[in-house]
Structures are given as structure tokens and as C-alpha cells.
């Protein structure tokens, strides 16, 4: 059974994410997509986590996802 991909949660402070990635080499985009598929996450979420980890940034607060939406 195919699971629904998890997208990056909304930021608690209400700011929006900026679209990015259009200028990346195709090999990099493919690698990010492969990781996202493997982790069942969105590419933006994978990219966000990589940048946070690489630079040692403090993770922002995220809106807590609601449980029990019937999707597995």
C-alpha cells in the first residue's frame, strides 16, 4: 500500500517557506528526490533538515500535526 508523502509542517510563527531548487543541478535534485521518497517526506522538508543540520541551526517550532485523518 502506498503511503501519502509527509510534507513539511507549517512554521509555528506563521512565516511561509520560499520556493527553492529550480537552479540546482539535475543530479542534486534527483538525489534530494530519492532521499525524500526513501524517507516518505517532501523534498522541501529534506532540504530544510539538511540545511539545519549542516549549519547547526536551531530547529524552528512547527505546528503540531493532527492525528487520525484516516491516512496511513
Protein backbone atom coordinates (compact mmCIF):
# COMPACT_ATOMS: atom_id res chain seq x y z
CA UNK A 1 0.00 0.00 0.00
CA UNK A 2 1.37 3.41 -0.98
CA UNK A 3 1.68 5.88 1.89
CA UNK A 4 0.89 9.55 1.49
CA UNK A 5 4.06 11.63 1.45
CA UNK A 6 4.54 13.79 4.53
CA UNK A 7 5.03 17.44 3.70
CA UNK A 8 6.99 19.92 5.78
CA UNK A 9 4.84 21.14 8.67
CA UNK A 10 3.79 24.76 8.83
CA UNK A 11 6.04 27.02 10.83
CA UNK A 12 4.62 27.95 14.23
CA UNK A 13 5.35 31.66 13.77
CA UNK A 14 3.25 31.74 10.58
CA UNK A 15 6.01 32.60 8.13
CA UNK A 16 5.89 30.96 4.71
CA UNK A 17 8.63 28.93 3.11
CA UNK A 18 10.25 30.27 -0.06
CA UNK A 19 10.24 28.04 -3.17
CA UNK A 20 13.80 26.95 -4.00
CA UNK A 21 15.57 24.35 -6.07
CA UNK A 22 14.95 25.48 -9.61
CA UNK A 23 18.60 26.41 -10.06
CA UNK A 24 20.07 23.21 -8.64
CA UNK A 25 21.82 20.73 -10.94
CA UNK A 26 19.61 17.82 -12.00
CA UNK A 27 21.85 15.33 -10.14
CA UNK A 28 21.32 17.21 -6.88
CA UNK A 29 17.56 17.41 -7.42
CA UNK A 30 17.44 13.69 -8.18
CA UNK A 31 19.40 12.92 -5.01
CA UNK A 32 17.04 15.05 -2.90
CA UNK A 33 14.02 13.38 -4.53
CA UNK A 34 15.48 9.91 -3.88
CA UNK A 35 16.06 10.74 -0.21
CA UNK A 36 12.54 12.20 0.06
CA UNK A 37 10.99 9.06 -1.41
CA UNK A 38 13.05 6.83 0.89
CA UNK A 39 12.09 8.88 3.96
CA UNK A 40 8.48 9.41 2.81
CA UNK A 41 8.91 13.17 3.15
CA UNK A 42 8.73 16.14 0.78
CA UNK A 43 11.85 17.42 -0.96
CA UNK A 44 11.46 20.76 0.81
CA UNK A 45 11.41 19.02 4.19
CA UNK A 46 14.55 17.03 3.36
CA UNK A 47 16.33 20.17 2.17
CA UNK A 48 15.27 22.08 5.28
CA UNK A 49 16.54 19.36 7.61
CA UNK A 50 19.88 19.07 5.76
CA UNK A 51 20.48 22.81 5.99
CA UNK A 52 19.54 22.93 9.69
CA UNK A 53 21.86 20.01 10.47
CA UNK A 54 24.75 21.26 8.33
CA UNK A 55 24.82 24.74 9.82
CA UNK A 56 23.90 23.64 13.33
CA UNK A 57 20.85 25.88 13.32
CA UNK A 58 18.13 25.74 15.93
CA UNK A 59 15.07 23.99 14.54
CA UNK A 60 12.05 26.28 14.23
CA UNK A 61 8.85 25.47 16.05
CA UNK A 62 6.37 23.66 13.85
CA UNK A 63 2.59 23.43 14.01
CA UNK A 64 1.68 20.08 15.55
CA UNK A 65 0.05 17.79 13.01
CA UNK A 66 -3.38 16.46 13.79
CA UNK A 67 -3.65 12.69 14.18
CA UNK A 68 -6.40 10.42 12.96
CA UNK A 69 -7.01 11.82 9.48
CA UNK A 70 -7.51 8.30 8.13
CA UNK A 71 -4.30 8.25 6.10
CA UNK A 72 -1.56 5.77 6.76
